[in-house]
C-alpha cells in the first residue's frame, strides 16, 4: 500500500526540541536552582517575569537562558561594591 504524501516527506527520526514554555518548576530546574530561590530571582529581576497563556503561567525558555547568561560570574559578585543588589 502506498504511503500518504505527507508521511513520505517526514524524516525517519524526528528531532527532539525542548519546549519553549516552561512551568515554574521546570524553569527553576532549567537554571539549576530550587523553586523558592527561582521565585526570589523573579521578584528581584534576576529572572524574567512569566507569561500567562490561558490559565497557565509559563516562562520563555529562550528568555530564561538570556537572563541566565547575563548573571554575573562568581568573581564579579564577590568584588567589593558588586553584590547582587548592584547587579539590578
N, C-alpha and C. Protein backbone atom coordinates (compact mmCIF):
# COMPACT_ATOMS: atom_id res chain seq x y z
N UNK A 1 0.84 -1.17 0.00
CA UNK A 1 0.00 0.00 0.00
C UNK A 1 0.89 1.25 0.00
N UNK A 2 0.58 2.23 -0.77
CA UNK A 2 1.37 3.46 -0.88
C UNK A 2 1.14 4.35 0.33
N UNK A 3 2.23 4.99 0.79
CA UNK A 3 2.13 5.91 1.91
C UNK A 3 1.51 7.22 1.44
N UNK A 4 0.84 7.88 2.34
CA UNK A 4 0.30 9.20 2.03
C UNK A 4 1.46 10.15 1.77
N UNK A 5 1.25 11.12 0.94
CA UNK A 5 2.31 12.06 0.57
C UNK A 5 2.95 12.73 1.78
N UNK A 6 2.16 13.15 2.76
CA UNK A 6 2.71 13.83 3.93
C UNK A 6 3.59 12.90 4.76
N UNK A 7 3.24 11.64 4.90
CA UNK A 7 4.05 10.69 5.65
C UNK A 7 5.37 10.41 4.95
N UNK A 8 5.35 10.34 3.64
CA UNK A 8 6.57 10.05 2.88
C UNK A 8 7.59 11.17 3.00
N UNK A 9 7.14 12.41 3.23
CA UNK A 9 8.07 13.53 3.30
C UNK A 9 8.64 13.75 4.70
N UNK A 10 8.15 13.01 5.70
CA UNK A 10 8.66 13.15 7.06
C UNK A 10 9.96 12.37 7.21
N UNK A 11 10.92 12.93 7.97
CA UNK A 11 12.16 12.18 8.21
C UNK A 11 11.87 10.95 9.06
N UNK A 12 12.71 9.94 8.95
CA UNK A 12 12.52 8.70 9.71
C UNK A 12 12.62 8.96 11.21
N UNK A 13 13.50 9.86 11.62
CA UNK A 13 13.66 10.20 13.03
C UNK A 13 13.40 11.69 13.19
N UNK A 14 12.40 12.01 13.99
CA UNK A 14 12.08 13.42 14.22
C UNK A 14 13.01 13.98 15.28
N UNK A 15 13.58 15.17 15.06
CA UNK A 15 14.45 15.77 16.07
C UNK A 15 13.65 16.14 17.31
N UNK A 16 14.26 16.01 18.46
CA UNK A 16 13.61 16.37 19.71
C UNK A 16 13.97 17.81 20.02
N UNK A 17 12.96 18.62 20.17
CA UNK A 17 13.19 20.02 20.52
C UNK A 17 12.61 20.28 21.90
N UNK A 18 13.34 20.99 22.74
CA UNK A 18 12.81 21.27 24.08
C UNK A 18 11.62 22.22 23.98
N UNK A 19 10.70 22.15 24.92
CA UNK A 19 9.56 23.07 24.88
C UNK A 19 10.03 24.51 25.07
N UNK A 20 9.34 25.43 24.45
CA UNK A 20 9.67 26.84 24.59
C UNK A 20 9.14 27.40 25.91
N UNK A 21 7.95 26.97 26.30
CA UNK A 21 7.34 27.43 27.54
C UNK A 21 7.57 26.44 28.66
N UNK A 22 8.03 26.94 29.80
CA UNK A 22 8.32 26.07 30.94
C UNK A 22 7.51 26.50 32.16
N UNK A 23 7.09 25.53 32.96
CA UNK A 23 6.41 25.83 34.22
C UNK A 23 7.42 26.41 35.20
N UNK A 24 6.94 26.83 36.33
CA UNK A 24 7.81 27.38 37.37
C UNK A 24 8.86 26.35 37.79
N UNK A 25 8.43 25.13 38.07
CA UNK A 25 9.37 24.08 38.50
C UNK A 25 10.35 23.72 37.39
N UNK A 26 9.86 23.63 36.16
CA UNK A 26 10.75 23.33 35.03
C UNK A 26 11.76 24.45 34.84
N UNK A 27 11.31 25.70 35.01
CA UNK A 27 12.20 26.85 34.85
C UNK A 27 13.30 26.84 35.90
N UNK A 28 12.91 26.58 37.14
CA UNK A 28 13.90 26.51 38.22
C UNK A 28 14.90 25.41 37.94
N UNK A 29 14.42 24.25 37.54
CA UNK A 29 15.30 23.12 37.23
C UNK A 29 16.21 23.46 36.06
N UNK A 30 15.66 24.17 35.07
CA UNK A 30 16.42 24.52 33.87
C UNK A 30 17.66 25.36 34.20
N UNK A 31 17.52 26.27 35.16
CA UNK A 31 18.67 27.11 35.51
C UNK A 31 19.44 26.57 36.71
N UNK A 32 18.95 25.49 37.32
CA UNK A 32 19.72 24.82 38.37
C UNK A 32 19.52 25.33 39.78
N UNK A 33 18.34 25.86 40.08
CA UNK A 33 18.07 26.36 41.44
C UNK A 33 16.75 25.76 41.94
N UNK A 34 16.48 25.94 43.23
CA UNK A 34 15.21 25.49 43.79
C UNK A 34 14.09 26.40 43.31
N UNK A 35 12.87 25.92 43.41
CA UNK A 35 11.71 26.73 43.02
C UNK A 35 11.60 27.98 43.88
N UNK A 36 11.88 27.85 45.17
CA UNK A 36 11.81 29.00 46.08
C UNK A 36 12.84 30.06 45.71
N UNK A 37 14.05 29.64 45.41
CA UNK A 37 15.09 30.60 45.02
C UNK A 37 14.75 31.20 43.65
N UNK A 38 14.18 30.41 42.76
CA UNK A 38 13.76 30.92 41.45
C UNK A 38 12.74 32.04 41.65
N UNK A 39 11.77 31.83 42.54
CA UNK A 39 10.76 32.87 42.83
C UNK A 39 11.44 34.16 43.28
N UNK A 40 12.43 34.04 44.14
CA UNK A 40 13.16 35.21 44.62
C UNK A 40 13.87 35.90 43.46
N UNK A 41 14.47 35.12 42.57
CA UNK A 41 15.17 35.70 41.42
C UNK A 41 14.22 36.42 40.48
N UNK A 42 12.99 35.91 40.34
CA UNK A 42 11.98 36.59 39.51
C UNK A 42 11.60 37.90 40.18
N UNK A 43 11.37 37.85 41.50
CA UNK A 43 10.97 39.07 42.22
C UNK A 43 12.02 40.16 42.14
N UNK A 44 13.30 39.79 42.24
CA UNK A 44 14.33 40.84 42.25
C UNK A 44 14.89 41.17 40.86
N UNK A 45 14.32 40.56 39.82
CA UNK A 45 14.68 40.93 38.45
C UNK A 45 15.83 40.15 37.84
N UNK A 46 16.38 39.17 38.58
CA UNK A 46 17.46 38.37 38.00
C UNK A 46 16.94 37.36 36.99
N UNK A 47 15.65 37.04 37.06
CA UNK A 47 14.99 36.17 36.08
C UNK A 47 13.77 36.91 35.56
N UNK A 48 13.33 36.58 34.33
CA UNK A 48 12.22 37.32 33.72
C UNK A 48 10.87 37.01 34.36
N UNK A 49 9.94 37.89 34.14
CA UNK A 49 8.56 37.66 34.54
C UNK A 49 7.94 36.60 33.62
N UNK A 50 6.96 35.86 34.11
CA UNK A 50 6.33 34.84 33.28
C UNK A 50 5.32 35.43 32.31
N UNK A 51 4.85 34.59 31.41
CA UNK A 51 3.76 34.93 30.50
C UNK A 51 2.54 34.15 30.97
N UNK A 52 1.37 34.66 30.68
CA UNK A 52 0.14 33.94 31.00
C UNK A 52 -0.46 33.45 29.70
N UNK A 53 -0.68 32.15 29.64
CA UNK A 53 -1.30 31.52 28.47
C UNK A 53 -2.53 30.79 28.99
N UNK A 54 -3.69 31.39 28.79
CA UNK A 54 -4.90 30.85 29.39
C UNK A 54 -4.77 30.90 30.89
N UNK A 55 -4.96 29.77 31.55
CA UNK A 55 -4.83 29.71 33.00
C UNK A 55 -3.40 29.39 33.44
N UNK A 56 -2.53 29.08 32.49
CA UNK A 56 -1.15 28.68 32.83
C UNK A 56 -0.22 29.88 32.92
N UNK A 57 0.74 29.78 33.82
CA UNK A 57 1.81 30.77 33.96
C UNK A 57 3.07 30.04 33.50
N UNK A 58 3.70 30.58 32.45
CA UNK A 58 4.87 29.91 31.88
C UNK A 58 6.00 30.90 31.62
N UNK A 59 7.21 30.37 31.64
CA UNK A 59 8.40 31.17 31.35
C UNK A 59 8.94 30.78 29.99
N UNK A 60 9.41 31.76 29.26
CA UNK A 60 10.00 31.54 27.95
C UNK A 60 11.42 31.02 28.15
N UNK A 61 11.69 29.80 27.69
CA UNK A 61 13.00 29.17 27.85
C UNK A 61 14.11 30.04 27.28
N UNK A 62 13.88 30.64 26.12
CA UNK A 62 14.92 31.47 25.47
C UNK A 62 15.23 32.69 26.33
N UNK A 63 14.19 33.30 26.89
CA UNK A 63 14.40 34.47 27.75
C UNK A 63 15.11 34.07 29.04
N UNK A 64 14.73 32.91 29.61
CA UNK A 64 15.42 32.41 30.80
C UNK A 64 16.92 32.26 30.53
N UNK A 65 17.24 31.70 29.38
CA UNK A 65 18.65 31.49 29.04
C UNK A 65 19.38 32.81 28.86
N UNK A 66 18.71 33.82 28.30
CA UNK A 66 19.34 35.14 28.14
C UNK A 66 19.59 35.78 29.50
N UNK A 67 18.62 35.70 30.41
CA UNK A 67 18.80 36.24 31.75
C UNK A 67 19.91 35.49 32.48
N UNK A 68 19.93 34.17 32.33
CA UNK A 68 20.96 33.37 32.98
C UNK A 68 22.34 33.77 32.47
N UNK A 69 22.45 33.97 31.16
CA UNK A 69 23.72 34.37 30.55
C UNK A 69 24.18 35.72 31.09
N UNK A 70 23.24 36.60 31.41
CA UNK A 70 23.57 37.94 31.90
C UNK A 70 23.94 37.97 33.38
N UNK A 71 23.70 36.87 34.11
CA UNK A 71 24.08 36.85 35.52
C UNK A 71 25.59 37.05 35.65
N UNK A 72 26.01 37.76 36.69
CA UNK A 72 27.45 37.98 36.87
C UNK A 72 28.17 36.68 37.22
N UNK A 73 29.41 36.61 36.84
CA UNK A 73 30.25 35.48 37.21
C UNK A 73 30.54 35.59 38.71
N UNK A 74 30.91 34.49 39.32
CA UNK A 74 31.15 34.46 40.77
C UNK A 74 32.16 35.52 41.20
N UNK A 75 33.25 35.69 40.47
CA UNK A 75 34.27 36.67 40.82
C UNK A 75 33.71 38.10 40.78
N UNK A 76 32.78 38.35 39.88
CA UNK A 76 32.18 39.69 39.78
C UNK A 76 31.30 39.98 40.98
N UNK A 77 30.59 38.97 41.48
CA UNK A 77 29.70 39.16 42.63
C UNK A 77 30.51 39.37 43.90
N UNK A 78 31.64 38.69 44.01
CA UNK A 78 32.47 38.79 45.21
C UNK A 78 33.28 40.08 45.27
N UNK A 79 33.41 40.79 44.16
CA UNK A 79 34.18 42.03 44.15
C UNK A 79 33.49 43.09 45.02
N UNK A 80 34.25 43.94 45.70
CA UNK A 80 33.64 44.99 46.52
C UNK A 80 32.72 45.88 45.69
N UNK A 81 31.54 46.14 46.22
CA UNK A 81 30.59 47.01 45.53
C UNK A 81 29.93 46.35 44.33
N UNK A 82 30.04 45.01 44.20
CA UNK A 82 29.46 44.33 43.05
C UNK A 82 28.55 43.17 43.49
N UNK A 83 27.83 43.38 44.58
CA UNK A 83 26.91 42.34 45.07
C UNK A 83 25.68 42.27 44.19
N UNK A 84 24.81 41.34 44.54
CA UNK A 84 23.59 41.15 43.73
C UNK A 84 22.77 42.43 43.67
N UNK A 85 22.76 43.20 44.77
CA UNK A 85 21.96 44.42 44.77
C UNK A 85 22.49 45.43 43.75
N UNK A 86 23.77 45.37 43.40
CA UNK A 86 24.33 46.28 42.40
C UNK A 86 24.09 45.78 40.98
N UNK A 87 23.71 44.52 40.84
CA UNK A 87 23.52 43.94 39.52
C UNK A 87 22.27 44.47 38.83
N UNK A 88 21.23 44.74 39.62
CA UNK A 88 19.94 45.16 39.05
C UNK A 88 20.02 46.47 38.33
